[in-house]
Amino acid sequence: MTLHDKRQIYNFLFFSLGGFLISMIMLLFGFFLGAKSNSENSRNIPFESGVNSFGRVNLQIPIHFSLFAIFFVIFDVESCYLYLWSVNVIEVGWVGFLEMSFFIMIFLITIIYLIKTNMLKWILS
């Protein structure tokens, strides 16, 4: 093990220990300097943005919206991979072309499956 390797290990340990200590100090400051509440009744009242809630506070959002958001994130990440491949298409050669063809095939199969199972329909039943 060279001196450079040891220095990298020490830097990593120092960084990890420093991050841990700063986190613990911030948590302790929050615990000791934070406001204390003695009233147990106030813990059962929802508090949002300094305004007391009125009416029904538990909104039931259909799972369809969450699923659609998850699909959007997944397909957005896949489009980033397609962009990176298109920028480096000459460097990756035929192997990269075949791998990206397989990737696009899986992408299309996933979209077809989502369409067949009506997961992308906006009409809620």
Protein backbone atom coordinates (compact mmCIF):
# COMPACT_ATOMS: atom_id res chain seq x y z
CA MET A 1 0.00 0.00 0.00
CA THR A 2 1.50 3.26 -1.09
CA LEU A 3 1.48 6.56 0.72
CA HIS A 4 -1.12 7.88 -1.76
CA ASP A 5 -3.51 4.98 -0.96
CA LYS A 6 -3.13 5.56 2.78
CA ARG A 7 -3.79 9.25 2.32
CA GLN A 8 -7.00 8.48 0.40
CA ILE A 9 -8.16 6.12 3.15
CA TYR A 10 -7.42 8.76 5.81
CA ASN A 11 -9.25 11.42 3.81
CA PHE A 12 -12.29 9.16 3.46
CA LEU A 13 -12.30 8.33 7.18
CA PHE A 14 -11.86 12.00 8.12
CA PHE A 15 -14.73 12.99 5.78
CA SER A 16 -17.02 10.25 7.16
CA LEU A 17 -16.21 11.06 10.78
CA GLY A 18 -16.62 14.80 10.15
CA GLY A 19 -20.03 14.26 8.52
CA PHE A 20 -21.15 12.05 11.40
CA LEU A 21 -19.99 14.56 14.02
CA ILE A 22 -21.63 17.53 12.29
CA SER A 23 -24.90 15.57 12.05
CA MET A 24 -24.79 14.64 15.73
CA ILE A 25 -24.00 18.23 16.76
CA MET A 26 -26.96 19.54 14.73
CA LEU A 27 -29.29 16.94 16.27
CA LEU A 28 -28.09 17.80 19.79
CA PHE A 29 -28.55 21.54 19.16
CA GLY A 30 -32.08 20.89 17.97
CA PHE A 31 -32.83 18.75 21.01
CA PHE A 32 -31.46 21.20 23.59
CA LEU A 33 -32.38 24.51 21.95
CA GLY A 34 -35.69 23.50 20.37
CA ALA A 35 -39.05 24.50 21.79
CA LYS A 36 -40.74 22.07 24.12
CA SER A 37 -44.47 21.45 24.15
CA ASN A 38 -46.10 20.29 27.36
CA SER A 39 -49.63 20.00 26.03
CA GLU A 40 -50.55 16.49 24.90
CA ASN A 41 -53.78 17.68 23.24
CA SER A 42 -51.93 19.84 20.74
CA ARG A 43 -50.15 16.79 19.29
CA ASN A 44 -53.40 15.41 17.87
CA ILE A 45 -54.24 18.57 15.90
CA PRO A 46 -52.79 18.79 12.40
CA PHE A 47 -50.65 21.88 11.87
CA GLU A 48 -49.79 23.05 8.37
CA SER A 49 -48.04 26.31 7.52
CA GLY A 50 -49.12 28.01 10.72
CA VAL A 51 -52.83 27.70 9.92
CA ASN A 52 -55.13 25.48 11.94
CA SER A 53 -56.89 23.00 9.70
CA PHE A 54 -60.64 22.87 9.42
CA GLY A 55 -62.90 20.40 7.74
CA ARG A 56 -61.61 17.09 6.46
CA VAL A 57 -57.81 16.97 6.63
CA ASN A 58 -57.22 13.46 5.30
CA LEU A 59 -57.43 13.79 1.55
CA GLN A 60 -57.66 10.52 -0.28
CA ILE A 61 -55.69 10.78 -3.50
CA PRO A 62 -56.20 7.86 -5.89
CA ILE A 63 -53.18 5.59 -6.34
CA HIS A 64 -53.41 6.25 -10.09
CA PHE A 65 -51.72 9.63 -9.69
CA SER A 66 -48.80 8.14 -7.75
CA LEU A 67 -48.35 5.35 -10.28
CA PHE A 68 -48.39 7.82 -13.15
CA ALA A 69 -45.73 9.93 -11.40
CA ILE A 70 -43.55 6.85 -10.86
CA PHE A 71 -43.91 5.86 -14.53
CA PHE A 72 -42.98 9.39 -15.56
CA VAL A 73 -39.79 9.31 -13.50
CA ILE A 74 -38.81 5.88 -14.83
CA PHE A 75 -39.38 6.84 -18.46
CA ASP A 76 -37.63 10.16 -17.92
CA VAL A 77 -34.51 8.35 -16.69
CA GLU A 78 -34.71 6.02 -19.68
CA SER A 79 -34.81 9.01 -22.01
CA CYS A 80 -31.61 10.29 -20.34
CA TYR A 81 -29.92 6.98 -21.20
CA LEU A 82 -31.12 7.30 -24.79
CA TYR A 83 -29.69 10.80 -25.00
CA LEU A 84 -26.32 9.70 -23.61
CA TRP A 85 -26.22 6.84 -26.09
CA SER A 86 -27.06 9.12 -29.01
CA VAL A 87 -24.23 11.48 -28.06
CA ASN A 88 -21.70 8.62 -27.86
CA VAL A 89 -23.03 6.39 -30.65
CA ILE A 90 -19.72 6.37 -32.58
CA GLU A 91 -17.57 5.51 -29.55
CA VAL A 92 -19.71 2.57 -28.37
CA GLY A 93 -19.85 0.93 -31.80
CA TRP A 94 -21.93 -2.10 -32.68
CA VAL A 95 -21.89 -3.53 -29.16
CA GLY A 96 -23.45 -0.34 -27.84
CA PHE A 97 -25.96 -0.37 -30.69
CA LEU A 98 -27.07 -3.92 -29.85
CA GLU A 99 -27.29 -3.14 -26.13
CA MET A 100 -29.34 -0.01 -26.80
CA SER A 101 -31.59 -1.95 -29.21
CA PHE A 102 -32.27 -4.42 -26.39
CA PHE A 103 -32.90 -1.50 -24.02
CA ILE A 104 -35.36 0.11 -26.45
CA MET A 105 -37.10 -3.25 -26.95
CA ILE A 106 -37.63 -3.61 -23.18
CA PHE A 107 -38.80 0.02 -23.08
CA LEU A 108 -41.39 -0.61 -25.81
CA ILE A 109 -42.59 -3.85 -24.20
CA THR A 110 -43.09 -1.95 -20.95
CA ILE A 111 -45.11 0.80 -22.64
CA ILE A 112 -47.25 -1.77 -24.47
CA TYR A 113 -47.89 -3.57 -21.18
CA LEU A 114 -48.89 -0.32 -19.46
CA ILE A 115 -51.26 0.53 -22.31
CA LYS A 116 -52.82 -2.96 -22.30
CA THR A 117 -53.42 -2.84 -18.53
CA ASN A 118 -54.93 0.69 -18.81
CA MET A 119 -52.35 2.13 -16.42
CA LEU A 120 -51.90 5.25 -18.54
CA LYS A 121 -55.59 6.17 -18.73
CA TRP A 122 -56.46 9.50 -17.15
CA ILE A 123 -60.14 8.65 -16.67
CA LEU A 124 -60.71 7.48 -13.12
CA SER A 125 -63.42 4.98 -12.44
